[in-house]
Amino acid sequence: MDSLIESVRQTVSSDVVLSIEALDRGLPSIEGRADLAINQASVMEAALRSQVAGFDGVFVSDMDMCGVEASRELVGIPIVGGFAANAFTAMMLGRKLGLVTISTRVVPMQADHFRTYGIEANLAGIRVAEVSVAELIDDPASAIDLVYQKCCDAVDLDGAEVIILGCTGFIGIAGPVGLRLAASGRPVPVLDPNGVALSYLELLVRHGLRQSRLAYPSRPGQIPHFHF
């Protein structure tokens, strides 16, 4: 958790107060649709607690946006996950997006994100590093060489113009990989998944923006208690 705070602190304004909460129930990471479903209720509870505690916005550090869509019907503060913020930021930088992700298990789920947001035509391809979230947490530096090679494949073989890292466990990797790509004659941006999404959330908060109640109608009546 400390590494996550350290990696994103420089991406937000100096007056932004960051607080991080780990889920006390569910799985430690999202690596498939079943994981997404199991953790969703805990994310919704955490979002509600954040609103009650007076926070201005919530970032769910998950590329697959676990519980984000449902939570938008429950809270009146902006809440974002990783994919949409990164994908639409990437589209400001280039038209063909390459996704480098953690395992073959997440590929169908993450390919669906491009279809859901109507940007499937912008997907150059998905490259898989085959590394677990636990391995990234234990030794993130060891993933840099692997991710760099997959980014090279995305550029050289798929025609990617911008690289999205498909897991928020890729902490401290985007910067070094981006520099190596540029030095090798591949001047493509590599987005830091947490930093970009958190900056996107700050933008929403600064402009007083939050989810549309036409798109995300608030739930009438008492908010239910969540139980597994």
C-alpha atoms as a PDB file:
ATOM      1  CA  MET A   1       0.000   0.000   0.000  1.00  0.00           C
ATOM      2  CA  ASP A   2       2.861   2.385   0.767  1.00  0.00           C
ATOM      3  CA  SER A   3       4.293   1.830  -2.715  1.00  0.00           C
ATOM      4  CA  LEU A   4       0.968   2.760  -4.282  1.00  0.00           C
ATOM      5  CA  ILE A   5       0.725   6.019  -2.331  1.00  0.00           C
ATOM      6  CA  GLU A   6       4.321   6.894  -3.154  1.00  0.00           C
ATOM      7  CA  SER A   7       3.851   6.197  -6.850  1.00  0.00           C
ATOM      8  CA  VAL A   8       0.803   8.437  -7.258  1.00  0.00           C
ATOM      9  CA  ARG A   9       1.578  11.270  -4.849  1.00  0.00           C
ATOM     10  CA  GLN A  10       3.571  13.183  -7.455  1.00  0.00           C
ATOM     11  CA  THR A  11       0.727  12.926  -9.969  1.00  0.00           C
ATOM     12  CA  VAL A  12      -1.804  14.898  -7.906  1.00  0.00           C
ATOM     13  CA  SER A  13      -1.836  18.491  -6.664  1.00  0.00           C
ATOM     14  CA  SER A  14      -0.125  19.331  -3.386  1.00  0.00           C
ATOM     15  CA  ASP A  15      -3.413  20.112  -1.637  1.00  0.00           C
ATOM     16  CA  VAL A  16      -4.905  16.683  -2.373  1.00  0.00           C
ATOM     17  CA  VAL A  17      -5.140  14.440   0.685  1.00  0.00           C
ATOM     18  CA  LEU A  18      -4.820  10.759  -0.158  1.00  0.00           C
ATOM     19  CA  SER A  19      -6.089   7.919   1.993  1.00  0.00           C
ATOM     20  CA  ILE A  20      -5.966   4.248   1.085  1.00  0.00           C
ATOM     21  CA  GLU A  21      -8.164   1.418   2.322  1.00  0.00           C
ATOM     22  CA  ALA A  22      -7.611  -2.280   1.679  1.00  0.00           C
ATOM     23  CA  LEU A  23     -10.708  -4.457   1.414  1.00  0.00           C
ATOM     24  CA  ASP A  24     -11.198  -6.614   4.491  1.00  0.00           C
ATOM     25  CA  ARG A  25     -13.163  -9.277   2.612  1.00  0.00           C
ATOM     26  CA  GLY A  26     -12.883 -10.959  -0.740  1.00  0.00           C
ATOM     27  CA  LEU A  27      -9.877 -11.797  -2.884  1.00  0.00           C
ATOM     28  CA  PRO A  28      -6.548  -9.923  -2.805  1.00  0.00           C
ATOM     29  CA  SER A  29      -6.603  -9.243  -6.558  1.00  0.00           C
ATOM     30  CA  ILE A  30      -8.848  -9.311  -9.619  1.00  0.00           C
ATOM     31  CA  GLU A  31      -7.669 -11.817 -12.216  1.00  0.00           C
ATOM     32  CA  GLY A  32     -10.950 -12.869 -13.807  1.00  0.00           C
ATOM     33  CA  ARG A  33     -14.698 -12.311 -13.938  1.00  0.00           C
ATOM     34  CA  ALA A  34     -15.382 -14.495 -10.907  1.00  0.00           C
ATOM     35  CA  ASP A  35     -12.908 -12.447  -8.853  1.00  0.00           C
ATOM     36  CA  LEU A  36     -14.666  -9.307 -10.023  1.00  0.00           C
ATOM     37  CA  ALA A  37     -18.045 -10.567  -8.823  1.00  0.00           C
ATOM     38  CA  ILE A  38     -16.718 -11.793  -5.473  1.00  0.00           C
ATOM     39  CA  ASN A  39     -15.154  -8.434  -4.561  1.00  0.00           C
ATOM     40  CA  GLN A  40     -17.874  -6.152  -5.865  1.00  0.00           C
ATOM     41  CA  ALA A  41     -19.947  -5.885  -2.681  1.00  0.00           C
ATOM     42  CA  SER A  42     -16.884  -5.001  -0.593  1.00  0.00           C
ATOM     43  CA  VAL A  43     -16.017  -2.204  -3.005  1.00  0.00           C
ATOM     44  CA  MET A  44     -19.548  -0.839  -2.797  1.00  0.00           C
ATOM     45  CA  GLU A  45     -19.369  -0.815   0.998  1.00  0.00           C
ATOM     46  CA  ALA A  46     -16.004   0.948   0.910  1.00  0.00           C
ATOM     47  CA  ALA A  47     -17.369   3.574  -1.490  1.00  0.00           C
ATOM     48  CA  LEU A  48     -20.265   4.296   0.846  1.00  0.00           C
ATOM     49  CA  ARG A  49     -17.910   4.569   3.829  1.00  0.00           C
ATOM     50  CA  SER A  50     -15.744   7.008   1.887  1.00  0.00           C
ATOM     51  CA  GLN A  51     -18.706   9.255   1.145  1.00  0.00           C
ATOM     52  CA  VAL A  52     -19.849   9.209   4.776  1.00  0.00           C
ATOM     53  CA  ALA A  53     -16.295  10.033   5.883  1.00  0.00           C
ATOM     54  CA  GLY A  54     -16.383  13.175   3.749  1.00  0.00           C
ATOM     55  CA  PHE A  55     -14.065  12.267   0.890  1.00  0.00           C
ATOM     56  CA  ASP A  56     -14.571  14.146  -2.380  1.00  0.00           C
ATOM     57  CA  GLY A  57     -13.995  11.170  -4.666  1.00  0.00           C
ATOM     58  CA  VAL A  58     -13.035   7.516  -4.800  1.00  0.00           C
ATOM     59  CA  PHE A  59     -10.498   5.715  -6.963  1.00  0.00           C
ATOM     60  CA  VAL A  60     -10.802   1.928  -7.025  1.00  0.00           C
ATOM     61  CA  SER A  61      -7.307   0.662  -7.815  1.00  0.00           C
ATOM     62  CA  ASP A  62      -8.446  -2.021 -10.208  1.00  0.00           C
ATOM     63  CA  MET A  63      -8.040  -1.903 -13.961  1.00  0.00           C
ATOM     64  CA  ASP A  64     -11.304  -3.795 -14.393  1.00  0.00           C
ATOM     65  CA  MET A  65     -13.220  -1.262 -12.283  1.00  0.00           C
ATOM     66  CA  CYS A  66     -14.544  -3.759  -9.736  1.00  0.00           C
ATOM     67  CA  GLY A  67     -17.785  -2.439  -8.236  1.00  0.00           C
ATOM     68  CA  VAL A  68     -17.410   0.998  -9.814  1.00  0.00           C
ATOM     69  CA  GLU A  69     -20.489   0.916 -12.046  1.00  0.00           C
ATOM     70  CA  ALA A  70     -22.763  -0.312  -9.234  1.00  0.00           C
ATOM     71  CA  SER A  71     -21.284   2.114  -6.702  1.00  0.00           C
ATOM     72  CA  ARG A  72     -22.143   5.055  -8.948  1.00  0.00           C
ATOM     73  CA  GLU A  73     -25.807   4.413  -8.175  1.00  0.00           C
ATOM     74  CA  LEU A  74     -25.119   4.486  -4.421  1.00  0.00           C
ATOM     75  CA  VAL A  75     -22.811   7.466  -3.928  1.00  0.00           C
ATOM     76  CA  GLY A  76     -23.004  11.096  -4.951  1.00  0.00           C
ATOM     77  CA  ILE A  77     -19.267  11.617  -5.258  1.00  0.00           C
ATOM     78  CA  PRO A  78     -17.282  10.681  -8.388  1.00  0.00           C
ATOM     79  CA  ILE A  79     -15.825   7.176  -8.392  1.00  0.00           C
ATOM     80  CA  VAL A  80     -13.491   5.827 -11.058  1.00  0.00           C
ATOM     81  CA  GLY A  81     -11.571   2.646 -11.787  1.00  0.00           C
ATOM     82  CA  GLY A  82      -8.604   2.048 -14.032  1.00  0.00           C
ATOM     83  CA  PHE A  83      -9.731   1.129 -17.521  1.00  0.00           C
ATOM     84  CA  ALA A  84     -11.951   3.957 -18.732  1.00  0.00           C
ATOM     85  CA  ALA A  85      -9.710   6.723 -17.370  1.00  0.00           C
ATOM     86  CA  ASN A  86      -6.649   5.162 -18.984  1.00  0.00           C
ATOM     87  CA  ALA A  87      -8.295   4.244 -22.287  1.00  0.00           C
ATOM     88  CA  PHE A  88      -9.757   7.667 -22.923  1.00  0.00           C
ATOM     89  CA  THR A  89      -6.566   9.406 -21.827  1.00  0.00           C
ATOM     90  CA  ALA A  90      -4.649   7.160 -24.223  1.00  0.00           C
ATOM     91  CA  MET A  91      -6.976   8.178 -27.044  1.00  0.00           C
ATOM     92  CA  MET A  92      -5.866  11.774 -26.520  1.00  0.00           C
ATOM     93  CA  LEU A  93      -2.330  10.635 -27.384  1.00  0.00           C
ATOM     94  CA  GLY A  94      -2.823   8.215 -30.275  1.00  0.00           C
ATOM     95  CA  ARG A  95      -5.421   6.227 -32.150  1.00  0.00           C
ATOM     96  CA  LYS A  96      -4.108   2.663 -31.874  1.00  0.00           C
ATOM     97  CA  LEU A  97      -3.964   1.391 -28.299  1.00  0.00           C
ATOM     98  CA  GLY A  98      -1.876  -1.539 -27.141  1.00  0.00           C
ATOM     99  CA  LEU A  99      -2.805  -3.266 -23.892  1.00  0.00           C
ATOM    100  CA  VAL A 100      -0.121  -5.137 -21.948  1.00  0.00           C
ATOM    101  CA  THR A 101      -1.752  -7.185 -19.232  1.00  0.00           C
ATOM    102  CA  ILE A 102      -0.933  -9.803 -16.622  1.00  0.00           C
ATOM    103  CA  SER A 103      -2.344 -13.153 -17.784  1.00  0.00           C
ATOM    104  CA  THR A 104      -4.336 -14.912 -20.477  1.00  0.00           C
ATOM    105  CA  ARG A 105      -7.147 -15.322 -17.951  1.00  0.00           C
ATOM    106  CA  VAL A 106      -7.965 -11.615 -17.997  1.00  0.00           C
ATOM    107  CA  VAL A 107      -7.762 -11.165 -21.775  1.00  0.00           C
ATOM    108  CA  PRO A 108     -11.452 -11.935 -22.585  1.00  0.00           C
ATOM    109  CA  MET A 109     -12.643  -9.660 -19.773  1.00  0.00           C
ATOM    110  CA  GLN A 110     -10.389  -6.792 -20.794  1.00  0.00           C
ATOM    111  CA  ALA A 111     -11.188  -7.162 -24.485  1.00  0.00           C
ATOM    112  CA  ASP A 112     -14.828  -6.725 -23.452  1.00  0.00           C
ATOM    113  CA  HIS A 113     -13.986  -3.323 -21.965  1.00  0.00           C
ATOM    114  CA  PHE A 114     -13.038  -2.008 -25.405  1.00  0.00           C
ATOM    115  CA  ARG A 115     -16.354  -3.257 -26.808  1.00  0.00           C
ATOM    116  CA  THR A 116     -18.348  -1.861 -23.872  1.00  0.00           C
ATOM    117  CA  TYR A 117     -16.935   1.635 -24.384  1.00  0.00           C
ATOM    118  CA  GLY A 118     -17.266   1.515 -28.166  1.00  0.00           C
ATOM    119  CA  ILE A 119     -13.533   1.729 -28.847  1.00  0.00           C
ATOM    120  CA  GLU A 120     -12.825  -1.780 -30.113  1.00  0.00           C
ATOM    121  CA  ALA A 121     -11.597  -0.312 -33.412  1.00  0.00           C
ATOM    122  CA  ASN A 122      -8.865   1.508 -31.474  1.00  0.00           C
ATOM    123  CA  LEU A 123      -7.444  -1.684 -29.966  1.00  0.00           C
ATOM    124  CA  ALA A 124      -4.215  -2.620 -31.725  1.00  0.00           C
ATOM    125  CA  GLY A 125      -3.836  -5.787 -29.701  1.00  0.00           C
ATOM    126  CA  ILE A 126      -3.396  -7.348 -26.266  1.00  0.00           C
ATOM    127  CA  ARG A 127      -0.057  -8.695 -25.110  1.00  0.00           C
ATOM    128  CA  VAL A 128       0.281 -10.892 -22.025  1.00  0.00           C
ATOM    129  CA  ALA A 129       3.193 -10.724 -19.578  1.00  0.00           C
ATOM    130  CA  GLU A 130       2.066 -13.849 -17.676  1.00  0.00           C
ATOM    131  CA  VAL A 131       2.857 -12.490 -14.240  1.00  0.00           C
ATOM    132  CA  SER A 132       0.622 -12.641 -11.183  1.00  0.00           C
ATOM    133  CA  VAL A 133      -0.417  -9.649  -9.098  1.00  0.00           C
ATOM    134  CA  ALA A 134       1.304 -11.240  -6.103  1.00  0.00           C
ATOM    135  CA  GLU A 135       4.576 -11.400  -8.056  1.00  0.00           C
ATOM    136  CA  LEU A 136       4.228  -7.735  -9.015  1.00  0.00           C
ATOM    137  CA  ILE A 137       3.741  -6.751  -5.393  1.00  0.00           C
ATOM    138  CA  ASP A 138       6.662  -8.844  -4.158  1.00  0.00           C
ATOM    139  CA  ASP A 139       9.165  -7.794  -6.825  1.00  0.00           C
ATOM    140  CA  PRO A 140       7.846  -5.118  -9.219  1.00  0.00           C
ATOM    141  CA  ALA A 141      11.310  -4.322 -10.640  1.00  0.00           C
ATOM    142  CA  SER A 142      11.608  -7.828 -12.059  1.00  0.00           C
ATOM    143  CA  ALA A 143       8.614  -7.179 -14.304  1.00  0.00           C
ATOM    144  CA  ILE A 144      10.178  -4.209 -16.101  1.00  0.00           C
ATOM    145  CA  ASP A 145      12.165  -6.294 -18.612  1.00  0.00           C
ATOM    146  CA  LEU A 146       9.167  -8.513 -19.308  1.00  0.00           C
ATOM    147  CA  VAL A 147       6.752  -5.622 -19.768  1.00  0.00           C
ATOM    148  CA  TYR A 148       9.263  -3.793 -21.965  1.00  0.00           C
ATOM    149  CA  GLN A 149       9.496  -6.758 -24.323  1.00  0.00           C
ATOM    150  CA  LYS A 150       5.717  -7.070 -24.525  1.00  0.00           C
ATOM    151  CA  CYS A 151       5.485  -3.348 -25.266  1.00  0.00           C
ATOM    152  CA  CYS A 152       8.025  -3.784 -28.068  1.00  0.00           C
ATOM    153  CA  ASP A 153       5.837  -6.534 -29.526  1.00  0.00           C
ATOM    154  CA  ALA A 154       2.765  -4.310 -29.211  1.00  0.00           C
ATOM    155  CA  VAL A 155       4.501  -1.533 -31.159  1.00  0.00           C
ATOM    156  CA  ASP A 156       6.408  -3.616 -33.714  1.00  0.00           C
ATOM    157  CA  LEU A 157       3.867  -6.355 -34.408  1.00  0.00           C
ATOM    158  CA  ASP A 158       0.482  -4.826 -33.526  1.00  0.00           C
ATOM    159  CA  GLY A 159       1.074  -1.215 -34.547  1.00  0.00           C
ATOM    160  CA  ALA A 160       0.324   0.259 -31.131  1.00  0.00           C
ATOM    161  CA  GLU A 161       0.871   4.016 -30.795  1.00  0.00           C
ATOM    162  CA  VAL A 162       0.100   4.211 -27.061  1.00  0.00           C
ATOM    163  CA  ILE A 163       0.532   1.546 -24.368  1.00  0.00           C
ATOM    164  CA  ILE A 164      -1.976   0.918 -21.584  1.00  0.00           C
ATOM    165  CA  LEU A 165      -0.830  -1.299 -18.720  1.00  0.00           C
ATOM    166  CA  GLY A 166      -3.733  -3.627 -17.946  1.00  0.00           C
ATOM    167  CA  CYS A 167      -3.206  -4.020 -14.207  1.00  0.00           C
ATOM    168  CA  THR A 168      -2.936  -1.479 -11.410  1.00  0.00           C
ATOM    169  CA  GLY A 169      -0.356  -3.799  -9.874  1.00  0.00           C
ATOM    170  CA  PHE A 170       2.088  -2.438 -12.473  1.00  0.00           C
ATOM    171  CA  ILE A 171       3.452   0.108  -9.986  1.00  0.00           C
ATOM    172  CA  GLY A 172       6.561   2.075 -10.924  1.00  0.00           C
ATOM    173  CA  ILE A 173       6.823   0.331 -14.290  1.00  0.00           C
ATOM    174  CA  ALA A 174       5.380   2.787 -16.833  1.00  0.00           C
ATOM    175  CA  GLY A 175       8.151   5.377 -16.452  1.00  0.00           C
ATOM    176  CA  PRO A 176      11.158   3.068 -16.889  1.00  0.00           C
ATOM    177  CA  VAL A 177       9.502   1.142 -19.717  1.00  0.00           C
ATOM    178  CA  GLY A 178       8.562   4.359 -21.525  1.00  0.00           C
ATOM    179  CA  LEU A 179      12.160   5.599 -21.344  1.00  0.00           C
ATOM    180  CA  ARG A 180      13.510   2.316 -22.698  1.00  0.00           C
ATOM    181  CA  LEU A 181      11.015   2.344 -25.550  1.00  0.00           C
ATOM    182  CA  ALA A 182      12.011   5.878 -26.515  1.00  0.00           C
ATOM    183  CA  ALA A 183      15.699   5.008 -26.335  1.00  0.00           C
ATOM    184  CA  SER A 184      15.099   2.046 -28.647  1.00  0.00           C
ATOM    185  CA  GLY A 185      13.440   4.226 -31.284  1.00  0.00           C
ATOM    186  CA  ARG A 186       9.865   3.574 -30.194  1.00  0.00           C
ATOM    187  CA  PRO A 187       8.586   6.972 -28.938  1.00  0.00           C
ATOM    188  CA  VAL A 188       5.224   5.796 -27.600  1.00  0.00           C
ATOM    189  CA  PRO A 189       3.623   6.891 -24.321  1.00  0.00           C
ATOM    190  CA  VAL A 190       3.184   4.282 -21.585  1.00  0.00           C
ATOM    191  CA  LEU A 191       0.420   5.173 -19.147  1.00  0.00           C
ATOM    192  CA  ASP A 192       0.807   4.573 -15.423  1.00  0.00           C
ATOM    193  CA  PRO A 193      -2.550   2.955 -14.572  1.00  0.00           C
ATOM    194  CA  ASN A 194      -2.906   4.350 -11.049  1.00  0.00           C
ATOM    195  CA  GLY A 195      -1.489   7.806 -11.674  1.00  0.00           C
ATOM    196  CA  VAL A 196      -3.599   8.458 -14.761  1.00  0.00           C
ATOM    197  CA  ALA A 197      -6.828   7.298 -13.114  1.00  0.00           C
ATOM    198  CA  LEU A 198      -6.197   9.294  -9.943  1.00  0.00           C
ATOM    199  CA  SER A 199      -5.415  12.415 -11.967  1.00  0.00           C
ATOM    200  CA  TYR A 200      -8.631  11.831 -13.893  1.00  0.00           C
ATOM    201  CA  LEU A 201     -10.527  11.653 -10.590  1.00  0.00           C
ATOM    202  CA  GLU A 202      -8.922  14.908  -9.425  1.00  0.00           C
ATOM    203  CA  LEU A 203     -10.059  16.564 -12.660  1.00  0.00           C
ATOM    204  CA  LEU A 204     -13.658  15.506 -11.967  1.00  0.00           C
ATOM    205  CA  VAL A 205     -13.501  16.760  -8.383  1.00  0.00           C
ATOM    206  CA  ARG A 206     -11.924  20.107  -9.371  1.00  0.00           C
ATOM    207  CA  HIS A 207     -14.699  20.723 -11.907  1.00  0.00           C
ATOM    208  CA  GLY A 208     -17.495  19.637  -9.586  1.00  0.00           C
ATOM    209  CA  LEU A 209     -18.416  16.742 -11.886  1.00  0.00           C
ATOM    210  CA  ARG A 210     -19.940  13.447 -10.898  1.00  0.00           C
ATOM    211  CA  GLN A 211     -21.876  10.614 -12.495  1.00  0.00           C
ATOM    212  CA  SER A 212     -25.087  11.541 -14.296  1.00  0.00           C
ATOM    213  CA  ARG A 213     -28.236  10.559 -12.456  1.00  0.00           C
ATOM    214  CA  LEU A 214     -29.826   9.789 -15.835  1.00  0.00           C
ATOM    215  CA  ALA A 215     -27.112   7.229 -16.539  1.00  0.00           C
ATOM    216  CA  TYR A 216     -26.809   6.070 -12.910  1.00  0.00           C
ATOM    217  CA  PRO A 217     -30.169   6.562 -11.156  1.00  0.00           C
ATOM    218  CA  SER A 218     -29.821   6.715  -7.382  1.00  0.00           C
ATOM    219  CA  ARG A 219     -31.275   3.795  -5.485  1.00  0.00           C
ATOM    220  CA  PRO A 220     -34.548   4.773  -3.748  1.00  0.00           C
ATOM    221  CA  GLY A 221     -35.024   3.949  -0.084  1.00  0.00           C
ATOM    222  CA  GLN A 222     -32.587   2.629   2.461  1.00  0.00           C
ATOM    223  CA  ILE A 223     -29.199   1.400   1.303  1.00  0.00           C
ATOM    224  CA  PRO A 224     -29.051  -2.363   1.929  1.00  0.00           C
ATOM    225  CA  HIS A 225     -26.550  -4.083   4.177  1.00  0.00           C
ATOM    226  CA  PHE A 226     -24.116  -6.202   2.264  1.00  0.00           C
ATOM    227  CA  HIS A 227     -23.328  -9.771   3.220  1.00  0.00           C
ATOM    228  CA  PHE A 228     -21.503 -12.595   1.487  1.00  0.00           C
END
